[in-house]
N, C-alpha and C. Protein backbone atom coordinates (compact mmCIF):
# COMPACT_ATOMS: atom_id res chain seq x y z
N MET A 1 -91.55 -2.58 105.61
CA MET A 1 -90.93 -1.54 106.54
C MET A 1 -90.25 -0.48 105.77
N SER A 2 -90.41 0.69 106.00
CA SER A 2 -89.89 1.78 105.45
C SER A 2 -88.73 2.37 106.45
N ILE A 3 -87.53 2.70 105.83
CA ILE A 3 -86.47 3.25 106.42
C ILE A 3 -86.42 4.75 106.24
N ASN A 4 -86.47 5.46 107.23
CA ASN A 4 -86.04 6.88 107.11
C ASN A 4 -85.04 7.22 108.17
N LEU A 5 -84.03 7.67 107.66
CA LEU A 5 -82.76 7.90 108.51
C LEU A 5 -82.89 8.95 109.42
N ARG A 6 -83.65 9.99 108.88
CA ARG A 6 -83.93 11.19 109.64
C ARG A 6 -84.71 10.87 111.01
N GLU A 7 -85.68 10.01 110.93
CA GLU A 7 -86.50 9.71 111.89
C GLU A 7 -85.75 8.71 112.98
N ASP A 8 -85.05 7.72 112.51
CA ASP A 8 -84.82 6.65 113.46
C ASP A 8 -83.38 7.06 113.97
N GLY A 9 -82.89 8.35 113.71
CA GLY A 9 -81.64 8.75 114.31
C GLY A 9 -80.12 8.44 113.83
N ALA A 10 -80.07 7.64 112.80
CA ALA A 10 -78.89 7.22 112.25
C ALA A 10 -78.10 8.38 111.55
N LEU A 11 -78.85 9.22 110.82
CA LEU A 11 -78.38 10.46 110.10
C LEU A 11 -77.74 11.49 111.39
N VAL A 12 -78.60 11.53 112.40
CA VAL A 12 -78.00 12.36 113.58
C VAL A 12 -76.70 11.80 114.08
N LYS A 13 -76.78 10.52 114.29
CA LYS A 13 -75.52 9.82 114.77
C LYS A 13 -74.37 9.93 113.75
N ALA A 14 -74.62 9.94 112.57
CA ALA A 14 -73.54 10.16 111.47
C ALA A 14 -72.93 11.35 111.73
N ARG A 15 -73.83 12.37 111.80
CA ARG A 15 -73.51 13.87 111.92
C ARG A 15 -72.47 14.22 113.10
N GLU A 16 -73.05 13.37 114.20
CA GLU A 16 -72.26 13.66 115.53
C GLU A 16 -70.89 13.18 115.39
N ILE A 17 -70.70 11.91 114.91
CA ILE A 17 -69.41 11.23 114.71
C ILE A 17 -68.50 12.13 113.81
N ALA A 18 -69.06 12.77 112.64
CA ALA A 18 -68.30 13.35 111.67
C ALA A 18 -67.92 14.76 112.26
N ALA A 19 -68.68 15.41 113.19
CA ALA A 19 -68.44 16.65 113.76
C ALA A 19 -67.34 16.57 114.76
N HIS A 20 -67.07 15.48 115.41
CA HIS A 20 -65.99 15.56 116.32
C HIS A 20 -64.69 14.40 116.02
N ASN A 21 -63.83 14.54 116.81
CA ASN A 21 -62.70 13.57 116.49
C ASN A 21 -62.99 12.36 117.11
N PRO A 22 -63.01 11.23 116.30
CA PRO A 22 -63.07 10.01 116.89
C PRO A 22 -61.73 9.69 117.66
N PRO A 23 -61.82 8.92 118.63
CA PRO A 23 -60.60 8.51 119.50
C PRO A 23 -59.50 8.02 118.67
N GLY A 24 -58.35 8.54 118.95
CA GLY A 24 -57.05 8.10 118.18
C GLY A 24 -56.87 9.01 116.96
N VAL A 25 -57.61 9.85 116.64
CA VAL A 25 -57.36 10.68 115.46
C VAL A 25 -56.79 11.98 115.67
N ASP A 26 -55.74 12.36 115.28
CA ASP A 26 -55.03 13.39 115.48
C ASP A 26 -55.57 14.52 114.52
N GLN A 27 -56.02 15.58 115.08
CA GLN A 27 -56.76 16.64 114.28
C GLN A 27 -55.81 17.34 113.41
N ASP A 28 -54.53 17.54 113.68
CA ASP A 28 -53.57 18.15 112.84
C ASP A 28 -53.33 17.26 111.62
N ALA A 29 -53.46 15.98 111.66
CA ALA A 29 -53.30 15.10 110.58
C ALA A 29 -54.52 14.65 109.85
N ALA A 30 -55.60 15.24 110.31
CA ALA A 30 -57.03 14.80 109.62
C ALA A 30 -57.02 14.84 108.21
N GLY A 31 -56.13 15.59 107.56
CA GLY A 31 -56.18 15.81 106.13
C GLY A 31 -55.42 14.74 105.50
N LYS A 32 -54.71 13.93 106.20
CA LYS A 32 -54.05 12.73 105.61
C LYS A 32 -55.10 11.69 105.37
N GLU A 33 -54.52 10.92 104.17
CA GLU A 33 -55.58 9.66 103.69
C GLU A 33 -55.84 8.88 104.78
N GLY A 34 -54.77 8.52 105.71
CA GLY A 34 -54.96 7.32 106.46
C GLY A 34 -55.75 7.87 107.71
N GLU A 35 -55.69 9.02 108.10
CA GLU A 35 -56.60 9.70 109.13
C GLU A 35 -58.03 9.77 108.64
N ILE A 36 -58.27 10.03 107.34
CA ILE A 36 -59.44 10.28 106.78
C ILE A 36 -60.21 8.75 106.70
N LYS A 37 -59.42 7.80 106.38
CA LYS A 37 -59.76 6.39 106.32
C LYS A 37 -60.24 6.09 107.62
N LYS A 38 -59.42 6.33 108.78
CA LYS A 38 -59.82 5.96 110.13
C LYS A 38 -61.32 6.60 110.53
N ILE A 39 -61.56 7.70 110.20
CA ILE A 39 -62.66 8.51 110.33
C ILE A 39 -63.95 7.84 109.80
N ALA A 40 -63.66 7.41 108.32
CA ALA A 40 -64.63 6.80 107.60
C ALA A 40 -64.90 5.50 108.24
N GLU A 41 -63.89 4.56 108.60
CA GLU A 41 -64.15 3.44 109.15
C GLU A 41 -65.02 3.39 110.42
N LYS A 42 -64.71 4.41 111.26
CA LYS A 42 -65.25 4.57 112.55
C LYS A 42 -66.87 4.89 112.40
N LEU A 43 -67.19 5.86 111.38
CA LEU A 43 -68.56 6.19 110.93
C LEU A 43 -69.16 4.88 110.39
N VAL A 44 -68.61 4.14 109.65
CA VAL A 44 -69.32 2.98 109.13
C VAL A 44 -69.59 2.01 110.20
N ASP A 45 -68.59 1.81 110.99
CA ASP A 45 -68.60 0.85 112.35
C ASP A 45 -69.97 1.50 113.19
N GLU A 46 -69.90 2.66 113.47
CA GLU A 46 -71.09 3.17 114.31
C GLU A 46 -72.56 3.09 113.53
N LEU A 47 -72.45 3.28 112.24
CA LEU A 47 -73.83 3.22 111.58
C LEU A 47 -74.23 1.67 111.57
N THR A 48 -73.34 0.92 111.26
CA THR A 48 -73.54 -0.47 111.09
C THR A 48 -74.05 -1.08 112.41
N ASP A 49 -73.40 -0.71 113.59
CA ASP A 49 -74.00 -1.35 114.79
C ASP A 49 -75.37 -0.63 115.21
N TYR A 50 -75.43 0.62 114.72
CA TYR A 50 -76.88 1.23 115.06
C TYR A 50 -77.84 0.52 114.26
N ILE A 51 -77.61 0.22 112.95
CA ILE A 51 -78.62 -0.47 112.00
C ILE A 51 -78.87 -1.77 112.61
N CYS A 52 -77.92 -2.58 112.91
CA CYS A 52 -78.02 -3.97 113.47
C CYS A 52 -78.87 -3.90 114.71
N GLY A 53 -78.71 -2.97 115.61
CA GLY A 53 -79.18 -2.90 116.81
C GLY A 53 -80.78 -2.51 116.83
N ASN A 54 -80.97 -1.99 115.58
CA ASN A 54 -82.45 -1.47 115.35
C ASN A 54 -83.45 -2.15 114.35
N VAL A 55 -82.76 -2.98 113.54
CA VAL A 55 -83.56 -3.69 112.42
C VAL A 55 -84.05 -4.96 113.19
N THR A 56 -85.40 -5.02 113.13
CA THR A 56 -86.02 -6.07 113.67
C THR A 56 -86.69 -6.99 112.53
N GLU A 57 -86.81 -6.41 111.37
CA GLU A 57 -87.40 -7.06 110.08
C GLU A 57 -86.28 -7.47 109.17
N SER A 58 -86.49 -7.64 107.81
CA SER A 58 -85.66 -7.85 106.75
C SER A 58 -84.66 -6.70 106.53
N LEU A 59 -83.59 -7.16 106.03
CA LEU A 59 -82.64 -6.13 105.56
C LEU A 59 -82.69 -5.55 104.19
N LYS A 60 -83.76 -6.17 103.51
CA LYS A 60 -83.95 -5.91 102.05
C LYS A 60 -84.23 -4.34 102.00
N PRO A 61 -84.99 -3.84 102.60
CA PRO A 61 -85.35 -2.40 102.63
C PRO A 61 -84.05 -1.38 102.88
N ILE A 62 -83.38 -1.82 103.93
CA ILE A 62 -82.07 -1.10 103.98
C ILE A 62 -81.02 -1.22 102.83
N GLN A 63 -80.87 -2.38 102.37
CA GLN A 63 -80.15 -2.59 101.29
C GLN A 63 -80.70 -1.86 99.98
N ALA A 64 -81.79 -1.80 99.82
CA ALA A 64 -82.54 -0.97 98.63
C ALA A 64 -82.13 0.55 98.79
N VAL A 65 -82.08 1.07 100.02
CA VAL A 65 -82.05 2.38 100.22
C VAL A 65 -80.39 2.71 100.01
N ILE A 66 -79.62 1.96 100.45
CA ILE A 66 -78.14 1.99 100.19
C ILE A 66 -77.91 2.03 98.77
N GLU A 67 -78.32 0.86 98.02
CA GLU A 67 -77.98 0.48 96.72
C GLU A 67 -78.45 1.82 95.96
N LYS A 68 -79.68 2.30 96.15
CA LYS A 68 -80.12 3.50 95.45
C LYS A 68 -79.15 4.71 95.60
N LYS A 69 -78.77 5.04 96.71
CA LYS A 69 -77.95 6.04 96.95
C LYS A 69 -76.74 6.08 96.25
N ILE A 70 -76.14 4.83 96.29
CA ILE A 70 -74.78 4.45 95.62
C ILE A 70 -74.86 4.83 94.16
N ILE A 71 -76.06 4.15 93.56
CA ILE A 71 -76.31 4.41 92.14
C ILE A 71 -76.45 5.82 91.75
N MET A 72 -77.20 6.53 92.64
CA MET A 72 -77.36 7.99 92.41
C MET A 72 -76.20 8.80 92.48
N ARG A 73 -75.25 8.53 93.28
CA ARG A 73 -74.02 9.23 93.39
C ARG A 73 -73.16 8.82 92.11
N ALA A 74 -73.03 7.58 91.67
CA ALA A 74 -72.38 7.22 90.59
C ALA A 74 -72.87 8.04 89.41
N LEU A 75 -74.20 8.01 89.06
CA LEU A 75 -74.72 8.63 88.16
C LEU A 75 -74.53 10.21 88.00
N LEU A 76 -74.40 10.70 89.29
CA LEU A 76 -74.16 12.14 89.37
C LEU A 76 -72.67 12.41 88.95
N GLU A 77 -71.74 11.49 89.51
CA GLU A 77 -70.37 11.70 89.21
C GLU A 77 -70.17 11.33 87.50
N ALA A 78 -71.07 10.60 87.06
CA ALA A 78 -70.70 10.23 85.67
C ALA A 78 -71.63 11.32 84.76
N GLY A 79 -72.07 12.31 85.38
CA GLY A 79 -72.81 13.28 84.48
C GLY A 79 -74.07 12.72 83.84
N GLY A 80 -74.75 11.60 84.47
CA GLY A 80 -75.94 10.99 83.97
C GLY A 80 -75.70 9.98 82.97
N SER A 81 -74.44 9.63 82.65
CA SER A 81 -74.16 8.47 81.64
C SER A 81 -74.14 7.21 82.37
N GLN A 82 -75.20 6.35 82.04
CA GLN A 82 -75.40 5.01 82.63
C GLN A 82 -74.07 4.17 82.31
N LYS A 83 -73.41 4.34 81.17
CA LYS A 83 -72.31 3.51 80.77
C LYS A 83 -71.02 3.91 81.71
N ARG A 84 -70.75 5.11 82.02
CA ARG A 84 -69.84 5.65 82.87
C ARG A 84 -70.04 5.30 84.27
N ALA A 85 -71.33 5.32 84.76
CA ALA A 85 -71.78 5.06 86.16
C ALA A 85 -71.41 3.67 86.36
N ALA A 86 -71.82 2.78 85.34
CA ALA A 86 -71.74 1.34 85.40
C ALA A 86 -70.10 0.91 85.62
N ARG A 87 -69.20 1.53 84.87
CA ARG A 87 -67.84 1.50 85.00
C ARG A 87 -67.40 1.92 86.40
N ILE A 88 -67.90 3.01 86.99
CA ILE A 88 -67.60 3.58 88.18
C ILE A 88 -67.95 2.33 89.23
N LEU A 89 -68.97 1.79 89.12
CA LEU A 89 -69.59 0.88 90.03
C LEU A 89 -68.96 -0.73 89.79
N GLY A 90 -68.30 -0.76 88.60
CA GLY A 90 -67.95 -2.15 88.48
C GLY A 90 -68.78 -3.33 88.14
N ILE A 91 -69.92 -2.86 87.34
CA ILE A 91 -71.02 -3.56 86.97
C ILE A 91 -71.28 -3.38 85.46
N LYS A 92 -72.16 -4.25 85.00
CA LYS A 92 -72.34 -4.24 83.58
C LYS A 92 -73.54 -3.15 83.39
N TYR A 93 -73.53 -2.59 82.20
CA TYR A 93 -74.33 -1.50 81.90
C TYR A 93 -75.95 -2.04 82.08
N THR A 94 -76.04 -3.23 81.62
CA THR A 94 -77.36 -3.91 81.68
C THR A 94 -77.97 -3.98 83.13
N THR A 95 -76.98 -4.27 83.99
CA THR A 95 -77.26 -4.38 85.52
C THR A 95 -77.68 -3.09 86.04
N LEU A 96 -76.95 -2.13 85.75
CA LEU A 96 -77.20 -0.78 86.23
C LEU A 96 -78.54 -0.34 85.80
N ASN A 97 -78.65 -0.56 84.36
CA ASN A 97 -80.11 -0.15 83.72
C ASN A 97 -81.32 -0.73 84.38
N TYR A 98 -81.20 -2.09 84.85
CA TYR A 98 -82.24 -2.83 85.54
C TYR A 98 -82.37 -2.18 87.06
N LYS A 99 -81.28 -1.73 87.55
CA LYS A 99 -81.40 -1.20 88.88
C LYS A 99 -82.12 0.05 88.89
N VAL A 100 -81.68 0.78 87.81
CA VAL A 100 -82.22 2.25 87.66
C VAL A 100 -83.76 2.28 87.48
N LYS A 101 -84.08 1.14 86.85
CA LYS A 101 -85.76 1.04 86.60
C LYS A 101 -86.18 0.51 87.89
N LYS A 102 -85.77 -0.39 88.58
CA LYS A 102 -86.00 -1.02 89.65
C LYS A 102 -86.39 -0.02 90.79
N HIS A 103 -85.29 0.85 91.03
CA HIS A 103 -85.38 1.88 91.98
C HIS A 103 -86.11 3.20 91.47
N LYS A 104 -86.59 3.15 90.28
CA LYS A 104 -87.35 4.43 89.68
C LYS A 104 -86.42 5.64 89.85
N ILE A 105 -85.28 5.59 89.35
CA ILE A 105 -84.25 6.70 89.55
C ILE A 105 -84.47 7.49 88.29
N ARG A 106 -84.67 8.73 88.37
CA ARG A 106 -84.80 9.72 87.30
C ARG A 106 -83.57 10.31 87.04
N ILE A 107 -82.95 10.06 86.11
CA ILE A 107 -81.47 10.39 85.72
C ILE A 107 -81.42 11.82 85.60
N LYS A 108 -82.33 12.40 84.75
CA LYS A 108 -82.42 14.05 84.53
C LYS A 108 -82.46 14.79 85.80
N LYS A 109 -83.26 14.17 86.63
CA LYS A 109 -83.43 14.98 87.99
C LYS A 109 -82.21 14.84 88.72
N ILE A 110 -81.39 13.79 88.70
CA ILE A 110 -80.03 13.70 89.25
C ILE A 110 -79.03 14.65 88.70
N VAL A 111 -79.04 14.79 87.40
CA VAL A 111 -77.92 15.57 86.79
C VAL A 111 -78.42 17.02 86.97
N SER A 112 -79.53 17.46 87.10
CA SER A 112 -79.91 18.86 87.33
C SER A 112 -80.01 19.30 88.74
N ALA A 113 -79.88 18.44 89.64
CA ALA A 113 -80.17 18.72 91.23
C ALA A 113 -78.72 19.03 91.59
N ILE A 114 -78.97 19.88 92.80
CA ILE A 114 -77.64 20.05 93.60
C ILE A 114 -77.40 18.85 94.47
N PRO A 115 -76.13 18.26 94.48
CA PRO A 115 -75.88 17.12 95.08
C PRO A 115 -76.36 16.99 96.45
N SER A 116 -76.23 18.08 97.37
CA SER A 116 -76.60 18.02 98.71
C SER A 116 -78.14 17.74 98.78
N ASP A 117 -78.80 18.40 97.76
CA ASP A 117 -80.42 17.99 97.89
C ASP A 117 -80.82 16.63 97.73
N LEU A 118 -79.86 15.89 96.99
CA LEU A 118 -80.17 14.52 96.75
C LEU A 118 -80.05 13.49 97.88
N PHE A 119 -78.99 13.77 98.66
CA PHE A 119 -78.67 12.81 99.64
C PHE A 119 -79.02 13.24 101.12
N GLU A 120 -79.80 14.31 101.17
CA GLU A 120 -80.04 14.73 102.79
C GLU A 120 -81.37 13.82 103.03
């Protein structure tokens, strides 16, 4: 089973939620950490409900997509250093190295790319 968030609507749903005020969030206070956390929690809840309602097979493909994106973001934040990315993720360097190979992540491509190009 291949997961394409653009085709199945989850990405569209996430953008809709992010574009408007979730119930109970004061627009003037949206910059405050607590309000941002509420928005993030609402987004996670909505996406989780959507995924759970639409997955009819194994969760492994979804887990792989999420894991790969998290690793890619950590590598980008770490400037391509697997040791720093492993620290960011709270895992051993050898574990990260295994996962980079497993997901066929090309670190040089990540470091040279514009962040928005990687995660759309």
